[in-house]
Amino acid sequence: MEAADLVRDIASLPPEAQKQVMEYVAFLKTRYPTEQPVKKTQRVKLTDEPFIGMWRDREDMQDSTAWVRSLRQREWVRSA
């Protein structure tokens, strides 16, 4: 059966029957949900991400361990 034939057959039904068809179709849609196709995203190399190297020119970040240690010493309040 073609979709056009189906539409024509439903249109030829009385209004109450058309309502029942619509309700049944709504029920079937909940029972058999359409699956959305999973879009495959193209993988980007981590080194090509824009945030990589964003602090490259900062002098204070040349030794990140020392920078973190210094930051902790300045920002963390020691409880005595």
C-alpha atoms as a PDB file:
ATOM      1  CA  MET A   1       0.000   0.000   0.000  1.00  0.00           C
ATOM      2  CA  GLU A   2       1.328   3.415  -0.957  1.00  0.00           C
ATOM      3  CA  ALA A   3       1.369   6.322   1.485  1.00  0.00           C
ATOM      4  CA  ALA A   4      -1.004   8.298  -0.749  1.00  0.00           C
ATOM      5  CA  ASP A   5      -3.486   5.398  -0.719  1.00  0.00           C
ATOM      6  CA  LEU A   6      -3.262   5.195   3.051  1.00  0.00           C
ATOM      7  CA  VAL A   7      -3.903   8.925   3.431  1.00  0.00           C
ATOM      8  CA  ARG A   8      -6.871   8.674   1.077  1.00  0.00           C
ATOM      9  CA  ASP A   9      -8.295   5.688   3.004  1.00  0.00           C
ATOM     10  CA  ILE A  10      -7.941   7.490   6.340  1.00  0.00           C
ATOM     11  CA  ALA A  11      -9.558  10.636   4.906  1.00  0.00           C
ATOM     12  CA  SER A  12     -12.526   8.565   3.746  1.00  0.00           C
ATOM     13  CA  LEU A  13     -13.227   7.361   7.298  1.00  0.00           C
ATOM     14  CA  PRO A  14     -15.701   9.148   9.574  1.00  0.00           C
ATOM     15  CA  PRO A  15     -14.175  11.710  11.976  1.00  0.00           C
ATOM     16  CA  GLU A  16     -14.360   9.375  15.007  1.00  0.00           C
ATOM     17  CA  ALA A  17     -12.499   6.641  13.107  1.00  0.00           C
ATOM     18  CA  GLN A  18      -9.882   9.161  11.925  1.00  0.00           C
ATOM     19  CA  LYS A  19      -9.372  10.143  15.568  1.00  0.00           C
ATOM     20  CA  GLN A  20      -8.882   6.483  16.504  1.00  0.00           C
ATOM     21  CA  VAL A  21      -6.328   6.051  13.717  1.00  0.00           C
ATOM     22  CA  MET A  22      -4.404   9.109  14.940  1.00  0.00           C
ATOM     23  CA  GLU A  23      -4.467   7.814  18.526  1.00  0.00           C
ATOM     24  CA  TYR A  24      -3.268   4.390  17.410  1.00  0.00           C
ATOM     25  CA  VAL A  25      -0.443   5.917  15.395  1.00  0.00           C
ATOM     26  CA  ALA A  26       0.556   7.999  18.435  1.00  0.00           C
ATOM     27  CA  PHE A  27       0.557   4.818  20.531  1.00  0.00           C
ATOM     28  CA  LEU A  28       2.715   2.987  17.991  1.00  0.00           C
ATOM     29  CA  LYS A  29       5.174   5.884  17.918  1.00  0.00           C
ATOM     30  CA  THR A  30       5.661   5.574  21.683  1.00  0.00           C
ATOM     31  CA  ARG A  31       6.060   1.820  21.427  1.00  0.00           C
ATOM     32  CA  TYR A  32       8.499   1.931  18.528  1.00  0.00           C
ATOM     33  CA  PRO A  33      10.484   5.136  18.882  1.00  0.00           C
ATOM     34  CA  THR A  34      12.493   6.114  15.883  1.00  0.00           C
ATOM     35  CA  GLU A  35      16.184   5.861  16.515  1.00  0.00           C
ATOM     36  CA  GLN A  36      18.187   8.923  15.738  1.00  0.00           C
ATOM     37  CA  PRO A  37      21.218   8.034  13.681  1.00  0.00           C
ATOM     38  CA  VAL A  38      24.381   8.441  15.672  1.00  0.00           C
ATOM     39  CA  LYS A  39      26.473  11.114  14.095  1.00  0.00           C
ATOM     40  CA  LYS A  40      30.089  10.187  13.925  1.00  0.00           C
ATOM     41  CA  THR A  41      32.172  13.165  14.740  1.00  0.00           C
ATOM     42  CA  GLN A  42      35.518  13.450  13.179  1.00  0.00           C
ATOM     43  CA  ARG A  43      38.189  13.007  15.801  1.00  0.00           C
ATOM     44  CA  VAL A  44      40.551  15.889  16.248  1.00  0.00           C
ATOM     45  CA  LYS A  45      44.046  15.248  17.461  1.00  0.00           C
ATOM     46  CA  LEU A  46      44.558  16.641  20.931  1.00  0.00           C
ATOM     47  CA  THR A  47      47.565  18.608  19.738  1.00  0.00           C
ATOM     48  CA  ASP A  48      45.321  20.341  17.182  1.00  0.00           C
ATOM     49  CA  GLU A  49      42.906  21.615  19.840  1.00  0.00           C
ATOM     50  CA  PRO A  50      42.988  25.417  20.191  1.00  0.00           C
ATOM     51  CA  PHE A  51      43.637  25.350  23.943  1.00  0.00           C
ATOM     52  CA  ILE A  52      46.886  23.413  23.589  1.00  0.00           C
ATOM     53  CA  GLY A  53      49.771  25.809  24.027  1.00  0.00           C
ATOM     54  CA  MET A  54      47.636  28.783  25.017  1.00  0.00           C
ATOM     55  CA  TRP A  55      50.072  29.661  27.823  1.00  0.00           C
ATOM     56  CA  ARG A  56      53.168  28.912  25.783  1.00  0.00           C
ATOM     57  CA  ASP A  57      54.420  32.519  25.901  1.00  0.00           C
ATOM     58  CA  ARG A  58      53.902  33.072  29.629  1.00  0.00           C
ATOM     59  CA  GLU A  59      57.200  33.314  31.431  1.00  0.00           C
ATOM     60  CA  ASP A  60      55.673  32.330  34.787  1.00  0.00           C
ATOM     61  CA  MET A  61      54.386  29.061  33.332  1.00  0.00           C
ATOM     62  CA  GLN A  62      57.684  27.643  32.074  1.00  0.00           C
ATOM     63  CA  ASP A  63      57.831  25.389  35.145  1.00  0.00           C
ATOM     64  CA  SER A  64      54.209  24.509  35.885  1.00  0.00           C
ATOM     65  CA  THR A  65      55.053  22.647  39.089  1.00  0.00           C
ATOM     66  CA  ALA A  66      56.823  25.671  40.520  1.00  0.00           C
ATOM     67  CA  TRP A  67      53.940  27.895  39.419  1.00  0.00           C
ATOM     68  CA  VAL A  68      51.375  25.719  41.208  1.00  0.00           C
ATOM     69  CA  ARG A  69      53.536  25.535  44.336  1.00  0.00           C
ATOM     70  CA  SER A  70      53.909  29.320  44.364  1.00  0.00           C
ATOM     71  CA  LEU A  71      50.186  29.833  43.810  1.00  0.00           C
ATOM     72  CA  ARG A  72      49.328  27.511  46.666  1.00  0.00           C
ATOM     73  CA  GLN A  73      51.721  29.286  48.987  1.00  0.00           C
ATOM     74  CA  ARG A  74      50.166  32.666  48.135  1.00  0.00           C
ATOM     75  CA  GLU A  75      46.490  31.635  48.079  1.00  0.00           C
ATOM     76  CA  TRP A  76      46.095  28.937  50.682  1.00  0.00           C
ATOM     77  CA  VAL A  77      45.732  30.173  54.212  1.00  0.00           C
ATOM     78  CA  ARG A  78      47.555  28.026  56.680  1.00  0.00           C
ATOM     79  CA  SER A  79      45.591  27.168  59.806  1.00  0.00           C
ATOM     80  CA  ALA A  80      47.676  27.332  62.979  1.00  0.00           C
END
